[in-house]
Every structure is written in structure tokens, then in C-alpha cells.
Amino acid sequence: MVIDGHNDAELKRAFDSVRFEGKGVPTAIVARTIKGKGVHMLEGHGIWHHRIPNAEEYAKIMEALS
């Protein structure tokens, strides 16, 4: 099952459809996402996986999220 990992309704539908009985065929959910989605300076830039923003960058990130 492949879903949009940024879509709450798709995530809920996917998790609700999975049976956790421990029987039968395994189910895999692939949630496609974009790193830093919603914050232009972060979106799609892998450097933010291992870098901490400085105070100025942090302020810009928080402003973009509000």
C-alpha cells in the first residue's frame, strides 16, 4: 500500500485497514514524504538530516510553521 505520508486521512485509512492479528500475509505501508515539507528552506534539502539550524534559521523556520 503506497500513500501520501503528509495526508492524515490517508494515514488513518491505511492503519485502520491493517489487521494486527499475527496471521496471514504481512502488510507494508509505504508513506511517501518530502523532507522538511512546508518550510521552503528545508523542503527537499537533505542537509537538514544532520545539521542543526542556528538561531536565525530557527526563527525563520518557526515563522514559516506558524
N, C-alpha and C. Protein backbone atom coordinates (compact mmCIF):
# COMPACT_ATOMS: atom_id res chain seq x y z
N MET A 1 0.85 -1.16 0.00
CA MET A 1 0.00 0.00 0.00
C MET A 1 0.91 1.23 0.00
N VAL A 2 0.73 2.12 -0.96
CA VAL A 2 1.52 3.34 -1.07
C VAL A 2 0.59 4.52 -0.84
N ILE A 3 0.96 5.41 0.10
CA ILE A 3 0.11 6.54 0.45
C ILE A 3 0.92 7.83 0.54
N ASP A 4 0.21 8.94 0.61
CA ASP A 4 0.83 10.25 0.84
C ASP A 4 1.05 10.37 2.35
N GLY A 5 2.28 10.34 2.78
CA GLY A 5 2.61 10.39 4.19
C GLY A 5 2.33 11.72 4.86
N HIS A 6 1.94 12.72 4.10
CA HIS A 6 1.58 14.03 4.66
C HIS A 6 0.06 14.18 4.78
N ASN A 7 -0.68 13.17 4.39
CA ASN A 7 -2.14 13.24 4.38
C ASN A 7 -2.69 12.43 5.55
N ASP A 8 -3.20 13.13 6.56
CA ASP A 8 -3.70 12.46 7.76
C ASP A 8 -4.80 11.44 7.45
N ALA A 9 -5.70 11.78 6.53
CA ALA A 9 -6.81 10.88 6.20
C ALA A 9 -6.28 9.59 5.56
N GLU A 10 -5.29 9.71 4.68
CA GLU A 10 -4.70 8.51 4.06
C GLU A 10 -3.97 7.67 5.09
N LEU A 11 -3.25 8.31 5.99
CA LEU A 11 -2.55 7.57 7.05
C LEU A 11 -3.55 6.80 7.91
N LYS A 12 -4.62 7.47 8.33
CA LYS A 12 -5.63 6.82 9.17
C LYS A 12 -6.27 5.65 8.43
N ARG A 13 -6.65 5.87 7.16
CA ARG A 13 -7.28 4.81 6.37
C ARG A 13 -6.34 3.60 6.24
N ALA A 14 -5.05 3.87 6.02
CA ALA A 14 -4.08 2.78 5.88
C ALA A 14 -3.95 1.99 7.17
N PHE A 15 -3.79 2.69 8.29
CA PHE A 15 -3.63 1.99 9.57
C PHE A 15 -4.91 1.28 9.99
N ASP A 16 -6.05 1.86 9.68
CA ASP A 16 -7.33 1.21 10.01
C ASP A 16 -7.54 -0.06 9.20
N SER A 17 -6.96 -0.13 8.01
CA SER A 17 -7.17 -1.29 7.14
C SER A 17 -6.25 -2.46 7.48
N VAL A 18 -5.23 -2.23 8.28
CA VAL A 18 -4.27 -3.28 8.62
C VAL A 18 -4.80 -4.09 9.80
N ARG A 19 -4.73 -5.40 9.66
CA ARG A 19 -5.14 -6.29 10.75
C ARG A 19 -3.88 -6.73 11.50
N PHE A 20 -3.91 -6.58 12.81
CA PHE A 20 -2.74 -6.91 13.64
C PHE A 20 -2.96 -8.21 14.39
N GLU A 21 -3.48 -9.22 13.70
CA GLU A 21 -3.79 -10.49 14.32
C GLU A 21 -2.60 -11.44 14.38
N GLY A 22 -1.57 -11.16 13.62
CA GLY A 22 -0.42 -12.06 13.60
C GLY A 22 -0.63 -13.25 12.70
N LYS A 23 -1.64 -13.20 11.84
CA LYS A 23 -1.92 -14.30 10.92
C LYS A 23 -1.93 -13.78 9.48
N GLY A 24 -1.68 -14.66 8.56
CA GLY A 24 -1.83 -14.29 7.16
C GLY A 24 -0.60 -13.63 6.55
N VAL A 25 -0.86 -12.83 5.54
CA VAL A 25 0.20 -12.20 4.75
C VAL A 25 0.57 -10.85 5.37
N PRO A 26 1.87 -10.57 5.46
CA PRO A 26 2.30 -9.27 6.01
C PRO A 26 1.80 -8.12 5.13
N THR A 27 1.60 -6.98 5.74
CA THR A 27 1.18 -5.78 5.03
C THR A 27 2.27 -4.72 5.17
N ALA A 28 2.60 -4.06 4.08
CA ALA A 28 3.57 -2.96 4.11
C ALA A 28 2.87 -1.68 3.72
N ILE A 29 3.13 -0.62 4.47
CA ILE A 29 2.61 0.70 4.14
C ILE A 29 3.81 1.57 3.80
N VAL A 30 3.85 2.08 2.59
CA VAL A 30 4.90 3.00 2.15
C VAL A 30 4.30 4.39 2.17
N ALA A 31 4.75 5.22 3.09
CA ALA A 31 4.24 6.59 3.21
C ALA A 31 5.23 7.52 2.53
N ARG A 32 4.87 7.99 1.36
CA ARG A 32 5.73 8.91 0.60
C ARG A 32 5.72 10.27 1.28
N THR A 33 6.89 10.80 1.59
CA THR A 33 7.00 12.10 2.24
C THR A 33 8.10 12.92 1.60
N ILE A 34 8.10 14.20 1.91
CA ILE A 34 9.14 15.12 1.46
C ILE A 34 9.81 15.70 2.70
N LYS A 35 11.12 15.59 2.76
CA LYS A 35 11.87 16.14 3.91
C LYS A 35 11.58 17.62 4.07
N GLY A 36 11.22 18.04 5.26
CA GLY A 36 11.03 19.45 5.55
C GLY A 36 9.80 20.08 4.91
N LYS A 37 8.82 19.26 4.51
CA LYS A 37 7.64 19.77 3.80
C LYS A 37 6.99 20.93 4.55
N GLY A 38 6.70 21.99 3.82
CA GLY A 38 6.03 23.14 4.38
C GLY A 38 6.95 24.28 4.77
N VAL A 39 8.26 24.03 4.79
CA VAL A 39 9.23 25.08 5.11
C VAL A 39 10.20 25.16 3.94
N HIS A 40 10.06 26.21 3.13
CA HIS A 40 10.81 26.32 1.87
C HIS A 40 12.31 26.06 2.05
N MET A 41 12.92 26.65 3.07
CA MET A 41 14.37 26.49 3.22
C MET A 41 14.78 25.07 3.61
N LEU A 42 13.83 24.26 4.08
CA LEU A 42 14.13 22.88 4.48
C LEU A 42 13.69 21.86 3.45
N GLU A 43 12.61 22.16 2.72
CA GLU A 43 11.95 21.19 1.87
C GLU A 43 12.87 20.60 0.81
N GLY A 44 13.05 19.29 0.91
CA GLY A 44 13.84 18.56 -0.07
C GLY A 44 15.35 18.68 0.07
N HIS A 45 15.83 19.39 1.08
CA HIS A 45 17.27 19.56 1.26
C HIS A 45 17.78 18.59 2.33
N GLY A 46 18.49 17.58 1.89
CA GLY A 46 18.96 16.52 2.78
C GLY A 46 19.91 16.98 3.87
N ILE A 47 20.51 18.14 3.72
CA ILE A 47 21.47 18.61 4.72
C ILE A 47 20.83 18.72 6.11
N TRP A 48 19.51 18.94 6.15
CA TRP A 48 18.83 19.12 7.45
C TRP A 48 18.64 17.81 8.20
N HIS A 49 19.09 16.69 7.62
CA HIS A 49 19.05 15.42 8.33
C HIS A 49 20.18 15.35 9.37
N HIS A 50 21.20 16.17 9.19
CA HIS A 50 22.35 16.08 10.10
C HIS A 50 22.85 17.46 10.55
N ARG A 51 22.09 18.49 10.29
CA ARG A 51 22.53 19.84 10.64
C ARG A 51 21.48 20.50 11.53
N ILE A 52 21.93 21.21 12.53
CA ILE A 52 21.05 21.93 13.44
C ILE A 52 21.01 23.39 13.00
N PRO A 53 19.80 23.95 12.88
CA PRO A 53 19.72 25.35 12.46
C PRO A 53 20.27 26.30 13.52
N ASN A 54 20.89 27.39 13.05
CA ASN A 54 21.35 28.40 14.00
C ASN A 54 20.14 29.23 14.45
N ALA A 55 20.34 30.20 15.31
CA ALA A 55 19.23 30.98 15.88
C ALA A 55 18.42 31.70 14.80
N GLU A 56 19.09 32.28 13.82
CA GLU A 56 18.40 33.00 12.75
C GLU A 56 17.56 32.04 11.89
N GLU A 57 18.17 30.90 11.54
CA GLU A 57 17.46 29.90 10.74
C GLU A 57 16.26 29.35 11.52
N TYR A 58 16.47 29.11 12.80
CA TYR A 58 15.40 28.59 13.65
C TYR A 58 14.21 29.55 13.67
N ALA A 59 14.49 30.83 13.79
CA ALA A 59 13.43 31.84 13.81
C ALA A 59 12.66 31.82 12.49
N LYS A 60 13.35 31.68 11.37
CA LYS A 60 12.69 31.63 10.05
C LYS A 60 11.83 30.37 9.93
N ILE A 61 12.34 29.27 10.43
CA ILE A 61 11.60 28.00 10.38
C ILE A 61 10.31 28.12 11.20
N MET A 62 10.43 28.65 12.39
CA MET A 62 9.26 28.79 13.26
C MET A 62 8.24 29.75 12.66
N GLU A 63 8.71 30.80 12.01
CA GLU A 63 7.80 31.74 11.35
C GLU A 63 7.06 31.05 10.21
N ALA A 64 7.75 30.22 9.44
CA ALA A 64 7.12 29.53 8.33
C ALA A 64 6.09 28.52 8.81
N LEU A 65 6.29 27.94 9.98
CA LEU A 65 5.36 26.94 10.51
C LEU A 65 4.15 27.54 11.20
N SER A 66 4.21 28.83 11.49
CA SER A 66 3.08 29.44 12.22
C SER A 66 2.03 30.00 11.29
